[in-house]
Amino acid sequence: MSFQPSYFKADLFKILSNPVRIEILDTLRQGEISVNDIAGWLEIEASSVSQQLAILRRYHLVKSRRQGNYIFYSINELAIFKVLDSAKEVFNNHLVQVKNALQKLE
């Protein structure tokens, strides 16, 4: 990861380019959750969740805590939710534009 702002942003968007990572981050909005619980919510293998969490942890977006045999994850950088919410707003605006274009065709 680079420390120049534009390169840092590009790296961040690369990390967010994986839909499973975005779903994991959205799941963590609820607070600290175990790998198994995340896997259950997303209906994917715990090993896949662990791989994606390792990437998110490497980029300091999440943090982990071990309790016995379980590892719990939580958000390390709450500002990531602003990025995700902004992306959702852009998506919703796009849908409105598509809907309006389709209505004009009717």
N, C-alpha and C. Protein backbone atom coordinates (compact mmCIF):
# COMPACT_ATOMS: atom_id res chain seq x y z
N MET A 1 0.85 -1.17 0.00
CA MET A 1 0.00 0.00 0.00
C MET A 1 0.89 1.23 0.00
N SER A 2 0.60 2.17 -0.87
CA SER A 2 1.37 3.40 -0.99
C SER A 2 0.85 4.44 -0.01
N PHE A 3 1.72 5.40 0.31
CA PHE A 3 1.31 6.48 1.20
C PHE A 3 0.99 7.77 0.45
N GLN A 4 1.01 7.72 -0.89
CA GLN A 4 0.55 8.85 -1.67
C GLN A 4 -0.97 8.75 -1.75
N PRO A 5 -1.68 9.87 -1.54
CA PRO A 5 -3.14 9.79 -1.47
C PRO A 5 -3.81 9.10 -2.64
N SER A 6 -3.43 9.41 -3.86
CA SER A 6 -4.13 8.80 -5.00
C SER A 6 -3.84 7.30 -5.08
N TYR A 7 -2.63 6.89 -4.75
CA TYR A 7 -2.31 5.47 -4.77
C TYR A 7 -3.00 4.73 -3.62
N PHE A 8 -3.07 5.40 -2.48
CA PHE A 8 -3.77 4.80 -1.34
C PHE A 8 -5.23 4.57 -1.68
N LYS A 9 -5.86 5.58 -2.31
CA LYS A 9 -7.27 5.45 -2.69
C LYS A 9 -7.45 4.32 -3.69
N ALA A 10 -6.55 4.23 -4.66
CA ALA A 10 -6.64 3.16 -5.66
C ALA A 10 -6.53 1.80 -4.98
N ASP A 11 -5.59 1.67 -4.03
CA ASP A 11 -5.46 0.41 -3.29
C ASP A 11 -6.72 0.09 -2.50
N LEU A 12 -7.29 1.11 -1.87
CA LEU A 12 -8.52 0.91 -1.10
C LEU A 12 -9.64 0.41 -2.00
N PHE A 13 -9.79 1.01 -3.17
CA PHE A 13 -10.85 0.58 -4.08
C PHE A 13 -10.59 -0.83 -4.62
N LYS A 14 -9.33 -1.22 -4.75
CA LYS A 14 -9.01 -2.60 -5.13
C LYS A 14 -9.49 -3.55 -4.05
N ILE A 15 -9.26 -3.19 -2.80
CA ILE A 15 -9.71 -4.02 -1.68
C ILE A 15 -11.23 -4.12 -1.68
N LEU A 16 -11.89 -3.04 -1.99
CA LEU A 16 -13.36 -3.01 -2.00
C LEU A 16 -13.96 -3.56 -3.28
N SER A 17 -13.12 -3.99 -4.21
CA SER A 17 -13.64 -4.51 -5.48
C SER A 17 -14.20 -5.92 -5.36
N ASN A 18 -14.03 -6.55 -4.22
CA ASN A 18 -14.52 -7.90 -4.01
C ASN A 18 -15.87 -7.85 -3.29
N PRO A 19 -16.94 -8.37 -3.90
CA PRO A 19 -18.27 -8.28 -3.27
C PRO A 19 -18.35 -8.98 -1.91
N VAL A 20 -17.60 -10.05 -1.72
CA VAL A 20 -17.64 -10.74 -0.43
C VAL A 20 -17.05 -9.85 0.66
N ARG A 21 -15.99 -9.14 0.35
CA ARG A 21 -15.41 -8.23 1.34
C ARG A 21 -16.40 -7.13 1.71
N ILE A 22 -17.13 -6.63 0.73
CA ILE A 22 -18.13 -5.61 1.02
C ILE A 22 -19.23 -6.19 1.89
N GLU A 23 -19.68 -7.39 1.59
CA GLU A 23 -20.71 -8.03 2.42
C GLU A 23 -20.21 -8.25 3.84
N ILE A 24 -18.94 -8.63 3.99
CA ILE A 24 -18.36 -8.81 5.32
C ILE A 24 -18.36 -7.49 6.07
N LEU A 25 -17.91 -6.43 5.42
CA LEU A 25 -17.90 -5.12 6.08
C LEU A 25 -19.31 -4.69 6.47
N ASP A 26 -20.28 -4.91 5.59
CA ASP A 26 -21.66 -4.56 5.92
C ASP A 26 -22.18 -5.39 7.10
N THR A 27 -21.78 -6.65 7.17
CA THR A 27 -22.17 -7.50 8.30
C THR A 27 -21.59 -6.97 9.60
N LEU A 28 -20.38 -6.45 9.53
CA LEU A 28 -19.71 -5.94 10.73
C LEU A 28 -20.27 -4.61 11.20
N ARG A 29 -21.21 -4.04 10.47
CA ARG A 29 -21.89 -2.84 10.96
C ARG A 29 -22.60 -3.11 12.29
N GLN A 30 -22.99 -4.37 12.49
CA GLN A 30 -23.72 -4.75 13.70
C GLN A 30 -22.82 -4.80 14.92
N GLY A 31 -21.51 -4.83 14.70
CA GLY A 31 -20.57 -4.92 15.81
C GLY A 31 -19.69 -6.15 15.65
N GLU A 32 -19.01 -6.50 16.70
CA GLU A 32 -18.07 -7.62 16.68
C GLU A 32 -18.80 -8.94 16.43
N ILE A 33 -18.26 -9.73 15.49
CA ILE A 33 -18.90 -10.99 15.10
C ILE A 33 -17.80 -12.03 14.85
N SER A 34 -18.11 -13.28 15.16
CA SER A 34 -17.15 -14.36 14.91
C SER A 34 -17.13 -14.74 13.44
N VAL A 35 -16.03 -15.36 13.03
CA VAL A 35 -15.89 -15.82 11.64
C VAL A 35 -17.04 -16.75 11.28
N ASN A 36 -17.37 -17.68 12.17
CA ASN A 36 -18.44 -18.64 11.89
C ASN A 36 -19.80 -17.95 11.74
N ASP A 37 -20.05 -16.93 12.54
CA ASP A 37 -21.31 -16.21 12.43
C ASP A 37 -21.38 -15.43 11.11
N ILE A 38 -20.26 -14.82 10.72
CA ILE A 38 -20.22 -14.12 9.44
C ILE A 38 -20.48 -15.11 8.31
N ALA A 39 -19.82 -16.25 8.37
CA ALA A 39 -20.00 -17.28 7.33
C ALA A 39 -21.46 -17.72 7.28
N GLY A 40 -22.08 -17.90 8.42
CA GLY A 40 -23.48 -18.29 8.47
C GLY A 40 -24.39 -17.24 7.87
N TRP A 41 -24.16 -15.99 8.19
CA TRP A 41 -24.98 -14.90 7.66
C TRP A 41 -24.86 -14.82 6.16
N LEU A 42 -23.63 -14.97 5.66
CA LEU A 42 -23.39 -14.81 4.23
C LEU A 42 -23.56 -16.11 3.45
N GLU A 43 -23.74 -17.20 4.18
CA GLU A 43 -23.92 -18.53 3.59
C GLU A 43 -22.74 -18.91 2.69
N ILE A 44 -21.53 -18.69 3.22
CA ILE A 44 -20.31 -19.13 2.53
C ILE A 44 -19.41 -19.82 3.54
N GLU A 45 -18.42 -20.52 3.04
CA GLU A 45 -17.51 -21.29 3.90
C GLU A 45 -16.72 -20.36 4.82
N ALA A 46 -16.51 -20.82 6.06
CA ALA A 46 -15.74 -20.04 7.03
C ALA A 46 -14.31 -19.80 6.52
N SER A 47 -13.75 -20.76 5.79
CA SER A 47 -12.39 -20.59 5.28
C SER A 47 -12.33 -19.43 4.27
N SER A 48 -13.36 -19.28 3.46
CA SER A 48 -13.42 -18.16 2.51
C SER A 48 -13.55 -16.83 3.25
N VAL A 49 -14.37 -16.82 4.28
CA VAL A 49 -14.53 -15.61 5.09
C VAL A 49 -13.20 -15.25 5.73
N SER A 50 -12.51 -16.25 6.27
CA SER A 50 -11.21 -16.01 6.92
C SER A 50 -10.20 -15.42 5.94
N GLN A 51 -10.18 -15.92 4.72
CA GLN A 51 -9.26 -15.39 3.71
C GLN A 51 -9.55 -13.92 3.43
N GLN A 52 -10.81 -13.59 3.27
CA GLN A 52 -11.18 -12.21 2.98
C GLN A 52 -10.93 -11.30 4.18
N LEU A 53 -11.18 -11.81 5.37
CA LEU A 53 -10.92 -11.03 6.58
C LEU A 53 -9.42 -10.76 6.74
N ALA A 54 -8.59 -11.70 6.35
CA ALA A 54 -7.14 -11.51 6.43
C ALA A 54 -6.71 -10.33 5.56
N ILE A 55 -7.31 -10.22 4.39
CA ILE A 55 -7.00 -9.09 3.49
C ILE A 55 -7.48 -7.79 4.11
N LEU A 56 -8.69 -7.78 4.64
CA LEU A 56 -9.22 -6.58 5.27
C LEU A 56 -8.39 -6.18 6.49
N ARG A 57 -7.89 -7.16 7.22
CA ARG A 57 -7.06 -6.89 8.40
C ARG A 57 -5.70 -6.32 7.97
N ARG A 58 -5.15 -6.87 6.89
CA ARG A 58 -3.85 -6.40 6.39
C ARG A 58 -3.92 -4.91 6.04
N TYR A 59 -5.07 -4.46 5.58
CA TYR A 59 -5.25 -3.06 5.22
C TYR A 59 -5.89 -2.26 6.36
N HIS A 60 -5.92 -2.83 7.55
CA HIS A 60 -6.35 -2.15 8.77
C HIS A 60 -7.81 -1.70 8.75
N LEU A 61 -8.63 -2.38 7.94
CA LEU A 61 -10.05 -2.04 7.93
C LEU A 61 -10.81 -2.77 9.03
N VAL A 62 -10.30 -3.94 9.42
CA VAL A 62 -10.90 -4.70 10.52
C VAL A 62 -9.82 -5.07 11.52
N LYS A 63 -10.26 -5.40 12.72
CA LYS A 63 -9.35 -5.89 13.75
C LYS A 63 -9.93 -7.18 14.31
N SER A 64 -9.06 -7.99 14.89
CA SER A 64 -9.51 -9.30 15.39
C SER A 64 -9.18 -9.44 16.87
N ARG A 65 -9.94 -10.35 17.48
CA ARG A 65 -9.75 -10.68 18.90
C ARG A 65 -10.01 -12.17 19.05
N ARG A 66 -9.09 -12.87 19.69
CA ARG A 66 -9.26 -14.30 19.90
C ARG A 66 -9.84 -14.54 21.29
N GLN A 67 -10.82 -15.44 21.33
CA GLN A 67 -11.41 -15.86 22.60
C GLN A 67 -11.56 -17.36 22.52
N GLY A 68 -10.69 -18.09 23.17
CA GLY A 68 -10.70 -19.55 23.09
C GLY A 68 -10.40 -19.98 21.67
N ASN A 69 -11.28 -20.81 21.11
CA ASN A 69 -11.11 -21.30 19.74
C ASN A 69 -11.73 -20.38 18.70
N TYR A 70 -12.31 -19.28 19.12
CA TYR A 70 -13.02 -18.39 18.21
C TYR A 70 -12.25 -17.10 17.98
N ILE A 71 -12.38 -16.59 16.77
CA ILE A 71 -11.81 -15.29 16.44
C ILE A 71 -12.97 -14.37 16.10
N PHE A 72 -12.99 -13.23 16.75
CA PHE A 72 -14.03 -12.24 16.54
C PHE A 72 -13.44 -11.05 15.79
N TYR A 73 -14.21 -10.51 14.88
CA TYR A 73 -13.77 -9.37 14.08
C TYR A 73 -14.69 -8.19 14.31
N SER A 74 -14.10 -7.03 14.19
CA SER A 74 -14.87 -5.78 14.25
C SER A 74 -14.20 -4.76 13.33
N ILE A 75 -14.91 -3.70 13.08
CA ILE A 75 -14.40 -2.64 12.20
C ILE A 75 -13.31 -1.86 12.93
N ASN A 76 -12.22 -1.64 12.25
CA ASN A 76 -11.12 -0.86 12.80
C ASN A 76 -11.21 0.59 12.33
N GLU A 77 -11.80 0.81 11.17
CA GLU A 77 -11.88 2.14 10.57
C GLU A 77 -13.33 2.43 10.20
N LEU A 78 -14.03 3.11 11.10
CA LEU A 78 -15.46 3.37 10.90
C LEU A 78 -15.75 4.21 9.66
N ALA A 79 -14.79 4.99 9.21
CA ALA A 79 -14.99 5.82 8.02
C ALA A 79 -15.26 4.99 6.77
N ILE A 80 -14.93 3.70 6.81
CA ILE A 80 -15.19 2.84 5.64
C ILE A 80 -16.69 2.79 5.33
N PHE A 81 -17.52 2.96 6.35
CA PHE A 81 -18.96 2.94 6.12
C PHE A 81 -19.41 4.15 5.29
N LYS A 82 -18.73 5.28 5.41
CA LYS A 82 -19.04 6.44 4.58
C LYS A 82 -18.76 6.11 3.12
N VAL A 83 -17.67 5.41 2.87
CA VAL A 83 -17.31 5.02 1.51
C VAL A 83 -18.38 4.07 0.95
N LEU A 84 -18.75 3.06 1.74
CA LEU A 84 -19.75 2.09 1.29
C LEU A 84 -21.11 2.76 1.09
N ASP A 85 -21.48 3.65 1.99
CA ASP A 85 -22.77 4.34 1.87
C ASP A 85 -22.78 5.26 0.65
N SER A 86 -21.65 5.90 0.37
CA SER A 86 -21.56 6.75 -0.82
C SER A 86 -21.69 5.92 -2.09
N ALA A 87 -21.06 4.76 -2.10
CA ALA A 87 -21.16 3.87 -3.27
C ALA A 87 -22.61 3.42 -3.47
N LYS A 88 -23.29 3.14 -2.37
CA LYS A 88 -24.70 2.74 -2.47
C LYS A 88 -25.55 3.89 -3.01
N GLU A 89 -25.24 5.11 -2.60
CA GLU A 89 -25.99 6.27 -3.08
C GLU A 89 -25.78 6.46 -4.58
N VAL A 90 -24.55 6.28 -5.04
CA VAL A 90 -24.26 6.38 -6.47
C VAL A 90 -25.04 5.31 -7.23
N PHE A 91 -25.06 4.09 -6.69
CA PHE A 91 -25.80 2.99 -7.30
C PHE A 91 -27.29 3.33 -7.39
N ASN A 92 -27.85 3.81 -6.29
CA ASN A 92 -29.28 4.15 -6.27
C ASN A 92 -29.60 5.27 -7.26
N ASN A 93 -28.71 6.25 -7.36
CA ASN A 93 -28.92 7.33 -8.34
C ASN A 93 -28.89 6.78 -9.76
N HIS A 94 -28.01 5.83 -9.99
CA HIS A 94 -27.93 5.20 -11.31
C HIS A 94 -29.24 4.46 -11.62
N LEU A 95 -29.77 3.76 -10.63
CA LEU A 95 -31.04 3.04 -10.84
C LEU A 95 -32.17 4.00 -11.18
N VAL A 96 -32.20 5.14 -10.53
CA VAL A 96 -33.24 6.14 -10.82
C VAL A 96 -33.11 6.61 -12.27
N GLN A 97 -31.88 6.84 -12.71
CA GLN A 97 -31.65 7.27 -14.09
C GLN A 97 -32.09 6.20 -15.08
N VAL A 98 -31.79 4.95 -14.79
CA VAL A 98 -32.19 3.85 -15.66
C VAL A 98 -33.71 3.74 -15.69
N LYS A 99 -34.35 3.85 -14.51
CA LYS A 99 -35.80 3.78 -14.44
C LYS A 99 -36.44 4.90 -15.26
N ASN A 100 -35.89 6.11 -15.12
CA ASN A 100 -36.45 7.23 -15.89
C ASN A 100 -36.27 7.02 -17.39
N ALA A 101 -35.15 6.51 -17.80
CA ALA A 101 -34.91 6.24 -19.22
C ALA A 101 -35.86 5.18 -19.75
N LEU A 102 -36.13 4.15 -18.95
CA LEU A 102 -37.06 3.09 -19.35
C LEU A 102 -38.48 3.62 -19.45
N GLN A 103 -38.86 4.51 -18.54
CA GLN A 103 -40.21 5.08 -18.58
C GLN A 103 -40.42 5.94 -19.83
N LYS A 104 -39.35 6.57 -20.29
CA LYS A 104 -39.46 7.39 -21.50
C LYS A 104 -39.65 6.51 -22.74
N LEU A 105 -39.20 5.26 -22.66
CA LEU A 105 -39.34 4.34 -23.78
C LEU A 105 -40.75 3.77 -23.89
N GLU A 106 -41.50 3.83 -22.83
CA GLU A 106 -42.85 3.24 -22.81
C GLU A 106 -43.84 4.03 -23.61
